[in-house]
C-alpha atoms as a PDB file:
ATOM      1  CA  MET A   1     -32.434   0.490  -3.107  1.00  0.00           C
ATOM      2  CA  GLN A   2     -29.581   2.300  -1.729  1.00  0.00           C
ATOM      3  CA  ASP A   3     -27.014   4.551  -3.199  1.00  0.00           C
ATOM      4  CA  THR A   4     -22.750   3.700  -2.060  1.00  0.00           C
ATOM      5  CA  LEU A   5     -20.714   6.657  -2.977  1.00  0.00           C
ATOM      6  CA  VAL A   6     -16.678   5.331  -2.548  1.00  0.00           C
ATOM      7  CA  ILE A   7     -13.845   8.066  -2.618  1.00  0.00           C
ATOM      8  CA  TRP A   8     -10.990   6.606  -3.306  1.00  0.00           C
ATOM      9  CA  ASP A   9      -7.980   8.624  -1.422  1.00  0.00           C
ATOM     10  CA  TRP A  10      -4.984   6.996  -2.377  1.00  0.00           C
ATOM     11  CA  ASP A  11      -2.393   9.674  -2.318  1.00  0.00           C
ATOM     12  CA  GLY A  12      -2.849  11.664   0.227  1.00  0.00           C
ATOM     13  CA  THR A  13      -5.204  14.199  -1.333  1.00  0.00           C
ATOM     14  CA  ILE A  14      -7.634  14.265   1.420  1.00  0.00           C
ATOM     15  CA  ILE A  15      -6.033  12.434   4.048  1.00  0.00           C
ATOM     16  CA  ASP A  16      -2.378  12.008   4.769  1.00  0.00           C
ATOM     17  CA  ASN A  17      -1.806   8.047   4.723  1.00  0.00           C
ATOM     18  CA  MET A  18       1.450   8.239   3.718  1.00  0.00           C
ATOM     19  CA  GLN A  19       2.505   6.657   7.251  1.00  0.00           C
ATOM     20  CA  THR A  20      -0.189   3.838   6.667  1.00  0.00           C
ATOM     21  CA  GLY A  21       1.482   2.920   3.199  1.00  0.00           C
ATOM     22  CA  MET A  22       4.996   3.076   4.975  1.00  0.00           C
ATOM     23  CA  SER A  23       3.776   0.466   7.645  1.00  0.00           C
ATOM     24  CA  ALA A  24       1.507  -1.679   5.217  1.00  0.00           C
ATOM     25  CA  LEU A  25       5.541  -2.088   3.016  1.00  0.00           C
ATOM     26  CA  ALA A  26       7.235  -2.561   6.178  1.00  0.00           C
ATOM     27  CA  ASP A  27       5.145  -5.702   7.003  1.00  0.00           C
ATOM     28  CA  MET A  28       4.713  -6.921   3.182  1.00  0.00           C
ATOM     29  CA  ALA A  29       8.768  -6.295   3.367  1.00  0.00           C
ATOM     30  CA  LYS A  30       9.292  -8.292   6.406  1.00  0.00           C
ATOM     31  CA  LYS A  31       6.932 -11.018   5.505  1.00  0.00           C
ATOM     32  CA  PHE A  32       8.728 -11.736   2.205  1.00  0.00           C
ATOM     33  CA  GLY A  33      12.413 -11.223   3.600  1.00  0.00           C
ATOM     34  CA  LEU A  34      13.036  -7.864   1.585  1.00  0.00           C
ATOM     35  CA  SER A  35      14.811  -4.717   2.517  1.00  0.00           C
ATOM     36  CA  ALA A  36      13.035  -2.028   4.412  1.00  0.00           C
ATOM     37  CA  PRO A  37      11.322   0.460   1.755  1.00  0.00           C
ATOM     38  CA  SER A  38      12.177   4.140   1.585  1.00  0.00           C
ATOM     39  CA  LEU A  39      10.029   6.921   1.670  1.00  0.00           C
ATOM     40  CA  ALA A  40      10.533   6.922  -2.559  1.00  0.00           C
ATOM     41  CA  ASP A  41       9.335   3.519  -2.060  1.00  0.00           C
ATOM     42  CA  ALA A  42       5.896   4.422  -0.544  1.00  0.00           C
ATOM     43  CA  LYS A  43       5.408   7.359  -2.693  1.00  0.00           C
ATOM     44  CA  ASN A  44       5.850   5.500  -5.607  1.00  0.00           C
ATOM     45  CA  VAL A  45       3.563   2.734  -4.162  1.00  0.00           C
ATOM     46  CA  MET A  46       0.865   5.364  -2.938  1.00  0.00           C
ATOM     47  CA  THR A  47       0.232   6.390  -6.439  1.00  0.00           C
ATOM     48  CA  THR A  48      -0.049   3.094  -7.977  1.00  0.00           C
ATOM     49  CA  LEU A  49      -0.292  -0.358  -7.669  1.00  0.00           C
ATOM     50  CA  LYS A  50       1.151  -0.803 -10.993  1.00  0.00           C
ATOM     51  CA  ALA A  51       4.173   1.423 -10.236  1.00  0.00           C
ATOM     52  CA  PRO A  52       7.772   0.341 -10.984  1.00  0.00           C
ATOM     53  CA  TYR A  53       8.008  -0.725  -7.333  1.00  0.00           C
ATOM     54  CA  TRP A  54       6.459  -3.583  -7.799  1.00  0.00           C
ATOM     55  CA  ASP A  55       8.511  -4.350 -11.203  1.00  0.00           C
ATOM     56  CA  GLN A  56      11.146  -6.695  -8.724  1.00  0.00           C
ATOM     57  CA  PHE A  57       8.523  -9.216  -8.161  1.00  0.00           C
ATOM     58  CA  GLY A  58       7.768 -10.295 -11.935  1.00  0.00           C
ATOM     59  CA  LYS A  59       4.285 -12.051 -12.408  1.00  0.00           C
ATOM     60  CA  ASP A  60       3.905 -12.467  -8.600  1.00  0.00           C
ATOM     61  CA  TRP A  61       3.729  -9.069  -8.092  1.00  0.00           C
ATOM     62  CA  GLU A  62      -0.295  -9.503  -7.544  1.00  0.00           C
ATOM     63  CA  ILE A  63       0.577 -11.901  -4.139  1.00  0.00           C
ATOM     64  CA  TYR A  64       3.179  -8.835  -2.658  1.00  0.00           C
ATOM     65  CA  GLY A  65       0.412  -6.707  -3.579  1.00  0.00           C
ATOM     66  CA  ARG A  66      -2.758  -8.365  -1.983  1.00  0.00           C
ATOM     67  CA  TYR A  67      -0.670  -8.536   1.153  1.00  0.00           C
ATOM     68  CA  PHE A  68       0.141  -5.044   0.853  1.00  0.00           C
ATOM     69  CA  LEU A  69      -3.455  -3.893   0.571  1.00  0.00           C
ATOM     70  CA  GLU A  70      -4.184  -6.774   3.805  1.00  0.00           C
ATOM     71  CA  ARG A  71      -2.030  -4.580   5.378  1.00  0.00           C
ATOM     72  CA  PHE A  72      -2.974  -1.192   4.241  1.00  0.00           C
ATOM     73  CA  LYS A  73      -6.534  -2.257   5.679  1.00  0.00           C
ATOM     74  CA  TYR A  74      -5.224  -3.075   8.929  1.00  0.00           C
ATOM     75  CA  HIS A  75      -2.931  -0.086   9.293  1.00  0.00           C
ATOM     76  CA  SER A  76      -6.092   2.327   8.709  1.00  0.00           C
ATOM     77  CA  ASN A  77      -8.324   0.676  10.873  1.00  0.00           C
ATOM     78  CA  VAL A  78      -5.398   0.587  13.929  1.00  0.00           C
ATOM     79  CA  HIS A  79      -4.971   4.304  13.315  1.00  0.00           C
ATOM     80  CA  ASP A  80      -8.679   5.192  13.440  1.00  0.00           C
END
């Protein structure tokens, strides 16, 4: 049996991924017809997916959050 270690570095402690987050948020905003996110929005999101930024989406925040994570993964792979 092989053990797997997953290191979750969401907020730039090990790797600065703020640009990846900004790109993913910009994609999400474009897809759903939202205004472009600010750097403050990105910092808020990179802290936690249940941050105040997501409150604007109400009970459907998970739909937006899933799309954001999908785009974050895409931009992470593009920039590797």
